[in-house]
Each structure stands twice: as C-alpha cells, then as structure tokens.
Amino acid sequence: MRFFRYNRLTCFLFVVCFALLVSSGWLYWSYGMLRIQVAFASEQTKIFDEMRKKALQSDVTEAAGFLAYAAYYYPSGTKQEPGSRLDRIVERDRALAVRDVIAYLRNKTGEDLGTGPEPWINKYSKQQQPNN
C-alpha cells in the first residue's frame, strides 16, 4: 500500500516537473522573440528619426527622397505583427516623421499637396514610390 502511494506521488511530481520544464521553455522562447521584435522596432524608429533629420537639413528633392524612404521603409506588418503594440509604436513614429518632412516641404516650396506622402514624392523626388 505504501509503495502504491509513493508511486502515485512520483508520477504526480514527474508531471509537475515536466509541465514546469515545458512552461519555462515556452517563456524562454517568448522572451527571445520579444527581444528580437523590440530590436526591430528600435531600428525602425531610429531610421525614421534619421530620415527626418536628414530631410530637414537638405534641399527639396533630397527631402522628398528621405520622405519616400521613411514612408515606405518596411511597411506595417513586415517586421512587426500587424496591429501589435510595437507595430502601433513604429507606425506612430513613422507618421510623425512623414508629417514633419511634409511640413518642411510645404514651408520650403510654398505649396500644399496634402498630408499624404505620395503627391510630394511624385512631384519632387528623383525616385518614385514603390509599386505595391
């Protein structure tokens, strides 16, 4: 009788240990993926900031090129899961960079081609927007 009780306890402890091992492996994997996604988001927002800075220190044609780069650099869902928190952060930073460059172009040219990047890129950039 005692042997049977220890046998059941051993089986229960084995199942608990196995569940903990699987859970820790899953957490380790999730943490690694999160680190990669955060690194991607950091790189993307850094690129947007660089494009904004370069555009604000350049002529109209170059600024339109930097606008195109910021607007079309890894669109939403390519490096981040679409709609995730990190994706929303990246897209918010992209929108701010695009808005700032468009304001600069509007000020430099005296024209108002709207708030979207396409008309500005089409009119002033040497490189055209990519085909989607």
N, C-alpha and C. Protein backbone atom coordinates (compact mmCIF):
# COMPACT_ATOMS: atom_id res chain seq x y z
N MET A 1 0.82 -1.19 0.00
CA MET A 1 0.00 0.00 0.00
C MET A 1 0.87 1.26 0.00
N ARG A 2 1.92 1.25 0.82
CA ARG A 2 2.80 2.39 0.88
C ARG A 2 3.51 2.61 -0.45
N PHE A 3 3.93 1.50 -1.07
CA PHE A 3 4.60 1.58 -2.37
C PHE A 3 3.69 2.23 -3.41
N PHE A 4 2.44 1.89 -3.40
CA PHE A 4 1.49 2.42 -4.36
C PHE A 4 1.31 3.93 -4.17
N ARG A 5 1.29 4.39 -2.90
CA ARG A 5 1.15 5.82 -2.62
C ARG A 5 2.38 6.59 -3.11
N TYR A 6 3.59 6.06 -2.89
CA TYR A 6 4.81 6.72 -3.36
C TYR A 6 4.89 6.72 -4.88
N ASN A 7 4.38 5.67 -5.48
CA ASN A 7 4.37 5.58 -6.93
C ASN A 7 3.48 6.67 -7.52
N ARG A 8 2.32 6.90 -6.93
CA ARG A 8 1.41 7.95 -7.40
C ARG A 8 2.03 9.33 -7.17
N LEU A 9 2.67 9.53 -6.04
CA LEU A 9 3.34 10.79 -5.75
C LEU A 9 4.47 11.05 -6.74
N THR A 10 5.23 10.01 -7.05
CA THR A 10 6.32 10.14 -8.02
C THR A 10 5.76 10.52 -9.39
N CYS A 11 4.71 9.89 -9.81
CA CYS A 11 4.09 10.23 -11.10
C CYS A 11 3.57 11.66 -11.11
N PHE A 12 2.94 12.07 -10.03
CA PHE A 12 2.43 13.45 -9.94
C PHE A 12 3.58 14.45 -10.01
N LEU A 13 4.65 14.21 -9.27
CA LEU A 13 5.80 15.11 -9.29
C LEU A 13 6.47 15.13 -10.67
N PHE A 14 6.52 13.99 -11.34
CA PHE A 14 7.07 13.95 -12.68
C PHE A 14 6.23 14.81 -13.63
N VAL A 15 4.93 14.72 -13.55
CA VAL A 15 4.05 15.52 -14.41
C VAL A 15 4.23 17.00 -14.12
N VAL A 16 4.32 17.38 -12.85
CA VAL A 16 4.52 18.78 -12.47
C VAL A 16 5.87 19.28 -12.99
N CYS A 17 6.92 18.49 -12.82
CA CYS A 17 8.25 18.89 -13.32
C CYS A 17 8.25 19.04 -14.84
N PHE A 18 7.59 18.12 -15.53
CA PHE A 18 7.51 18.20 -16.98
C PHE A 18 6.74 19.45 -17.41
N ALA A 19 5.65 19.74 -16.74
CA ALA A 19 4.87 20.94 -17.06
C ALA A 19 5.70 22.21 -16.82
N LEU A 20 6.47 22.23 -15.74
CA LEU A 20 7.33 23.38 -15.46
C LEU A 20 8.43 23.51 -16.50
N LEU A 21 8.98 22.41 -16.93
CA LEU A 21 10.02 22.43 -17.96
C LEU A 21 9.47 22.96 -19.28
N VAL A 22 8.30 22.50 -19.68
CA VAL A 22 7.67 22.98 -20.91
C VAL A 22 7.33 24.46 -20.78
N SER A 23 6.81 24.86 -19.65
CA SER A 23 6.45 26.28 -19.44
C SER A 23 7.69 27.16 -19.49
N SER A 24 8.77 26.74 -18.86
CA SER A 24 9.98 27.56 -18.88
C SER A 24 10.55 27.64 -20.28
N GLY A 25 10.49 26.57 -21.06
CA GLY A 25 10.94 26.62 -22.45
C GLY A 25 10.12 27.58 -23.28
N TRP A 26 8.81 27.54 -23.08
CA TRP A 26 7.92 28.46 -23.80
C TRP A 26 8.21 29.92 -23.41
N LEU A 27 8.41 30.17 -22.12
CA LEU A 27 8.72 31.53 -21.67
C LEU A 27 10.05 32.01 -22.23
N TYR A 28 11.04 31.13 -22.24
CA TYR A 28 12.35 31.48 -22.80
C TYR A 28 12.22 31.84 -24.27
N TRP A 29 11.48 31.05 -25.04
CA TRP A 29 11.24 31.32 -26.46
C TRP A 29 10.51 32.65 -26.65
N SER A 30 9.47 32.88 -25.88
CA SER A 30 8.69 34.11 -25.99
C SER A 30 9.53 35.33 -25.67
N TYR A 31 10.36 35.23 -24.64
CA TYR A 31 11.24 36.34 -24.26
C TYR A 31 12.23 36.63 -25.38
N GLY A 32 12.79 35.60 -25.98
CA GLY A 32 13.72 35.79 -27.09
C GLY A 32 13.05 36.46 -28.28
N MET A 33 11.85 36.04 -28.60
CA MET A 33 11.13 36.66 -29.72
C MET A 33 10.79 38.12 -29.41
N LEU A 34 10.42 38.39 -28.18
CA LEU A 34 10.12 39.77 -27.79
C LEU A 34 11.36 40.65 -27.92
N ARG A 35 12.51 40.13 -27.51
CA ARG A 35 13.75 40.90 -27.64
C ARG A 35 14.05 41.22 -29.10
N ILE A 36 13.81 40.26 -29.98
CA ILE A 36 14.04 40.49 -31.41
C ILE A 36 13.07 41.54 -31.95
N GLN A 37 11.81 41.44 -31.58
CA GLN A 37 10.82 42.41 -32.06
C GLN A 37 11.11 43.81 -31.55
N VAL A 38 11.54 43.92 -30.29
CA VAL A 38 11.89 45.24 -29.74
C VAL A 38 13.11 45.80 -30.46
N ALA A 39 14.08 44.95 -30.78
CA ALA A 39 15.26 45.41 -31.53
C ALA A 39 14.85 45.91 -32.91
N PHE A 40 13.94 45.19 -33.57
CA PHE A 40 13.45 45.65 -34.88
C PHE A 40 12.75 47.00 -34.76
N ALA A 41 11.90 47.14 -33.75
CA ALA A 41 11.17 48.40 -33.56
C ALA A 41 12.14 49.54 -33.28
N SER A 42 13.14 49.28 -32.47
CA SER A 42 14.13 50.31 -32.17
C SER A 42 14.86 50.73 -33.44
N GLU A 43 15.24 49.77 -34.26
CA GLU A 43 15.94 50.07 -35.51
C GLU A 43 15.04 50.87 -36.44
N GLN A 44 13.78 50.48 -36.55
CA GLN A 44 12.86 51.19 -37.44
C GLN A 44 12.67 52.64 -36.99
N THR A 45 12.42 52.85 -35.71
CA THR A 45 12.19 54.23 -35.24
C THR A 45 13.47 55.06 -35.37
N LYS A 46 14.62 54.42 -35.22
CA LYS A 46 15.90 55.14 -35.41
C LYS A 46 16.03 55.58 -36.86
N ILE A 47 15.66 54.72 -37.80
CA ILE A 47 15.72 55.07 -39.23
C ILE A 47 14.79 56.25 -39.52
N PHE A 48 13.59 56.22 -38.96
CA PHE A 48 12.65 57.33 -39.19
C PHE A 48 13.23 58.64 -38.67
N ASP A 49 13.85 58.59 -37.50
CA ASP A 49 14.44 59.79 -36.92
C ASP A 49 15.59 60.30 -37.81
N GLU A 50 16.40 59.39 -38.30
CA GLU A 50 17.50 59.79 -39.20
C GLU A 50 16.97 60.42 -40.48
N MET A 51 15.93 59.83 -41.05
CA MET A 51 15.35 60.38 -42.29
C MET A 51 14.77 61.76 -42.04
N ARG A 52 14.12 61.94 -40.88
CA ARG A 52 13.57 63.25 -40.53
C ARG A 52 14.70 64.27 -40.43
N LYS A 53 15.76 63.94 -39.71
CA LYS A 53 16.87 64.88 -39.52
C LYS A 53 17.54 65.22 -40.84
N LYS A 54 17.79 64.21 -41.67
CA LYS A 54 18.43 64.46 -42.96
C LYS A 54 17.55 65.31 -43.87
N ALA A 55 16.25 65.04 -43.85
CA ALA A 55 15.33 65.79 -44.71
C ALA A 55 15.28 67.25 -44.30
N LEU A 56 15.28 67.51 -43.01
CA LEU A 56 15.18 68.88 -42.54
C LEU A 56 16.46 69.69 -42.79
N GLN A 57 17.52 69.01 -43.20
CA GLN A 57 18.78 69.69 -43.50
C GLN A 57 19.15 69.62 -44.97
N SER A 58 18.19 69.32 -45.83
CA SER A 58 18.51 69.13 -47.25
C SER A 58 17.61 69.98 -48.13
N ASP A 59 17.88 69.91 -49.43
CA ASP A 59 17.02 70.63 -50.36
C ASP A 59 15.74 69.83 -50.60
N VAL A 60 14.86 70.39 -51.40
CA VAL A 60 13.53 69.82 -51.60
C VAL A 60 13.59 68.43 -52.23
N THR A 61 14.42 68.25 -53.24
CA THR A 61 14.50 66.95 -53.92
C THR A 61 15.00 65.87 -52.98
N GLU A 62 16.06 66.17 -52.24
CA GLU A 62 16.59 65.19 -51.28
C GLU A 62 15.58 64.93 -50.16
N ALA A 63 14.92 65.97 -49.70
CA ALA A 63 13.93 65.80 -48.63
C ALA A 63 12.80 64.89 -49.09
N ALA A 64 12.39 65.03 -50.35
CA ALA A 64 11.34 64.15 -50.88
C ALA A 64 11.83 62.71 -50.95
N GLY A 65 13.10 62.51 -51.25
CA GLY A 65 13.67 61.17 -51.25
C GLY A 65 13.69 60.56 -49.86
N PHE A 66 14.06 61.37 -48.88
CA PHE A 66 14.04 60.90 -47.49
C PHE A 66 12.61 60.62 -47.03
N LEU A 67 11.68 61.43 -47.51
CA LEU A 67 10.27 61.20 -47.20
C LEU A 67 9.82 59.84 -47.75
N ALA A 68 10.22 59.54 -48.98
CA ALA A 68 9.87 58.25 -49.58
C ALA A 68 10.46 57.10 -48.78
N TYR A 69 11.69 57.25 -48.36
CA TYR A 69 12.34 56.20 -47.58
C TYR A 69 11.59 55.97 -46.27
N ALA A 70 11.27 57.05 -45.58
CA ALA A 70 10.56 56.92 -44.30
C ALA A 70 9.15 56.35 -44.50
N ALA A 71 8.49 56.78 -45.54
CA ALA A 71 7.10 56.36 -45.75
C ALA A 71 6.99 54.89 -46.17
N TYR A 72 7.99 54.38 -46.88
CA TYR A 72 7.87 53.04 -47.44
C TYR A 72 8.87 52.04 -46.87
N TYR A 73 9.66 52.43 -45.88
CA TYR A 73 10.63 51.53 -45.26
C TYR A 73 9.91 50.50 -44.41
N TYR A 74 9.98 49.25 -44.79
CA TYR A 74 9.34 48.14 -44.08
C TYR A 74 7.93 48.52 -43.62
N PRO A 75 6.96 48.45 -44.51
CA PRO A 75 5.59 48.82 -44.15
C PRO A 75 5.06 47.98 -42.98
N SER A 76 4.00 48.45 -42.40
CA SER A 76 3.39 47.78 -41.25
C SER A 76 3.16 46.30 -41.56
N GLY A 77 3.55 45.46 -40.62
CA GLY A 77 3.34 44.03 -40.76
C GLY A 77 4.52 43.28 -41.34
N THR A 78 5.60 43.96 -41.74
CA THR A 78 6.73 43.24 -42.30
C THR A 78 7.73 42.84 -41.23
N LYS A 79 8.02 43.70 -40.28
CA LYS A 79 8.93 43.36 -39.20
C LYS A 79 8.20 43.16 -37.88
N GLN A 80 7.00 43.65 -37.79
CA GLN A 80 6.20 43.53 -36.56
C GLN A 80 4.89 42.84 -36.91
N GLU A 81 4.31 42.23 -35.92
CA GLU A 81 3.00 41.62 -36.12
C GLU A 81 1.99 42.74 -36.33
N PRO A 82 1.21 42.68 -37.41
CA PRO A 82 0.27 43.78 -37.69
C PRO A 82 -0.69 44.01 -36.53
N GLY A 83 -0.81 45.27 -36.13
CA GLY A 83 -1.73 45.65 -35.06
C GLY A 83 -1.19 45.46 -33.65
N SER A 84 0.02 44.92 -33.52
CA SER A 84 0.59 44.73 -32.18
C SER A 84 0.97 46.08 -31.59
N ARG A 85 1.27 46.08 -30.32
CA ARG A 85 1.66 47.33 -29.66
C ARG A 85 2.92 47.92 -30.29
N LEU A 86 3.90 47.06 -30.56
CA LEU A 86 5.13 47.55 -31.18
C LEU A 86 4.87 48.07 -32.59
N ASP A 87 4.01 47.42 -33.33
CA ASP A 87 3.66 47.89 -34.66
C ASP A 87 3.01 49.27 -34.59
N ARG A 88 2.14 49.46 -33.63
CA ARG A 88 1.48 50.77 -33.48
C ARG A 88 2.49 51.85 -33.10
N ILE A 89 3.46 51.50 -32.26
CA ILE A 89 4.50 52.47 -31.88
C ILE A 89 5.33 52.84 -33.10
N VAL A 90 5.74 51.85 -33.88
CA VAL A 90 6.54 52.10 -35.08
C VAL A 90 5.76 52.95 -36.07
N GLU A 91 4.50 52.61 -36.29
CA GLU A 91 3.70 53.36 -37.26
C GLU A 91 3.40 54.78 -36.79
N ARG A 92 3.26 54.96 -35.48
CA ARG A 92 3.06 56.31 -34.95
C ARG A 92 4.32 57.15 -35.18
N ASP A 93 5.49 56.55 -34.98
CA ASP A 93 6.74 57.27 -35.21
C ASP A 93 6.94 57.56 -36.69
N ARG A 94 6.55 56.62 -37.54
CA ARG A 94 6.63 56.85 -38.99
C ARG A 94 5.74 58.02 -39.38
N ALA A 95 4.52 58.04 -38.86
CA ALA A 95 3.58 59.11 -39.20
C ALA A 95 4.11 60.47 -38.76
N LEU A 96 4.76 60.52 -37.59
CA LEU A 96 5.34 61.78 -37.13
C LEU A 96 6.47 62.24 -38.04
N ALA A 97 7.32 61.32 -38.45
CA ALA A 97 8.42 61.67 -39.35
C ALA A 97 7.88 62.17 -40.68
N VAL A 98 6.90 61.46 -41.23
CA VAL A 98 6.31 61.86 -42.51
C VAL A 98 5.66 63.24 -42.37
N ARG A 99 4.93 63.45 -41.29
CA ARG A 99 4.27 64.74 -41.08
C ARG A 99 5.29 65.88 -40.99
N ASP A 100 6.40 65.65 -40.27
CA ASP A 100 7.42 66.69 -40.13
C ASP A 100 8.09 67.01 -41.46
N VAL A 101 8.38 66.00 -42.24
CA VAL A 101 9.03 66.24 -43.54
C VAL A 101 8.06 66.94 -44.50
N ILE A 102 6.80 66.55 -44.47
CA ILE A 102 5.81 67.23 -45.32
C ILE A 102 5.66 68.69 -44.90
N ALA A 103 5.67 68.96 -43.61
CA ALA A 103 5.60 70.36 -43.14
C ALA A 103 6.81 71.14 -43.64
N TYR A 104 7.98 70.51 -43.61
CA TYR A 104 9.19 71.15 -44.11
C TYR A 104 9.06 71.43 -45.61
N LEU A 105 8.59 70.44 -46.37
CA LEU A 105 8.43 70.64 -47.81
C LEU A 105 7.39 71.72 -48.12
N ARG A 106 6.32 71.72 -47.36
CA ARG A 106 5.28 72.73 -47.54
C ARG A 106 5.87 74.13 -47.30
N ASN A 107 6.68 74.26 -46.27
CA ASN A 107 7.30 75.54 -45.94
C ASN A 107 8.32 75.94 -47.00
N LYS A 108 9.12 74.98 -47.47
CA LYS A 108 10.18 75.28 -48.44
C LYS A 108 9.62 75.63 -49.82
N THR A 109 8.56 74.91 -50.24
CA THR A 109 8.04 75.11 -51.60
C THR A 109 6.92 76.13 -51.67
N GLY A 110 6.24 76.37 -50.56
CA GLY A 110 5.11 77.26 -50.56
C GLY A 110 3.86 76.61 -51.16
N GLU A 111 3.91 75.32 -51.42
CA GLU A 111 2.77 74.59 -51.98
C GLU A 111 2.13 73.73 -50.91
N ASP A 112 0.89 73.36 -51.18
CA ASP A 112 0.20 72.42 -50.29
C ASP A 112 -0.34 71.28 -51.14
N LEU A 113 0.36 70.15 -51.10
CA LEU A 113 -0.06 68.98 -51.85
C LEU A 113 -0.78 67.96 -50.97
N GLY A 114 -1.18 68.37 -49.80
CA GLY A 114 -1.92 67.49 -48.91
C GLY A 114 -1.03 66.88 -47.83
N THR A 115 -1.64 66.00 -47.06
CA THR A 115 -0.92 65.42 -45.92
C THR A 115 -0.32 64.05 -46.22
N GLY A 116 -0.65 63.46 -47.35
CA GLY A 116 -0.09 62.17 -47.72
C GLY A 116 1.26 62.34 -48.40
N PRO A 117 2.14 61.35 -48.28
CA PRO A 117 3.47 61.48 -48.87
C PRO A 117 3.51 61.31 -50.39
N GLU A 118 2.55 60.61 -50.97
CA GLU A 118 2.61 60.28 -52.39
C GLU A 118 2.72 61.50 -53.31
N PRO A 119 1.86 62.52 -53.15
CA PRO A 119 1.97 63.67 -54.07
C PRO A 119 3.32 64.39 -53.96
N TRP A 120 3.84 64.49 -52.77
CA TRP A 120 5.14 65.14 -52.56
C TRP A 120 6.26 64.34 -53.20
N ILE A 121 6.21 63.04 -53.02
CA ILE A 121 7.24 62.18 -53.60
C ILE A 121 7.15 62.21 -55.12
N ASN A 122 5.95 62.10 -55.64
CA ASN A 122 5.78 62.10 -57.10
C ASN A 122 6.24 63.39 -57.73
N LYS A 123 6.02 64.50 -57.07
CA LYS A 123 6.37 65.79 -57.66
C LYS A 123 7.85 66.15 -57.48
N TYR A 124 8.43 65.85 -56.32
CA TYR A 124 9.76 66.38 -56.02
C TYR A 124 10.88 65.35 -55.95
N SER A 125 10.57 64.09 -55.83
CA SER A 125 11.62 63.10 -55.66
C SER A 125 12.13 62.58 -57.00
N LYS A 126 13.43 62.26 -57.04
CA LYS A 126 14.01 61.62 -58.21
C LYS A 126 13.54 60.18 -58.28
N GLN A 127 13.41 59.55 -57.12
CA GLN A 127 12.93 58.17 -57.08
C GLN A 127 11.42 58.20 -56.83
N GLN A 128 10.72 57.35 -57.50
CA GLN A 128 9.27 57.29 -57.37
C GLN A 128 8.92 56.27 -56.29
N GLN A 129 7.68 56.37 -55.82
CA GLN A 129 7.23 55.43 -54.79
C GLN A 129 7.22 54.02 -55.35
N PRO A 130 7.47 53.02 -54.50
CA PRO A 130 7.47 51.64 -54.99
C PRO A 130 6.07 51.19 -55.37
N ASN A 131 6.02 50.26 -56.31
CA ASN A 131 4.73 49.70 -56.70
C ASN A 131 4.30 48.70 -55.65
N ASN A 132 3.08 48.85 -55.15
CA ASN A 132 2.60 47.95 -54.10
C ASN A 132 2.01 46.73 -54.68
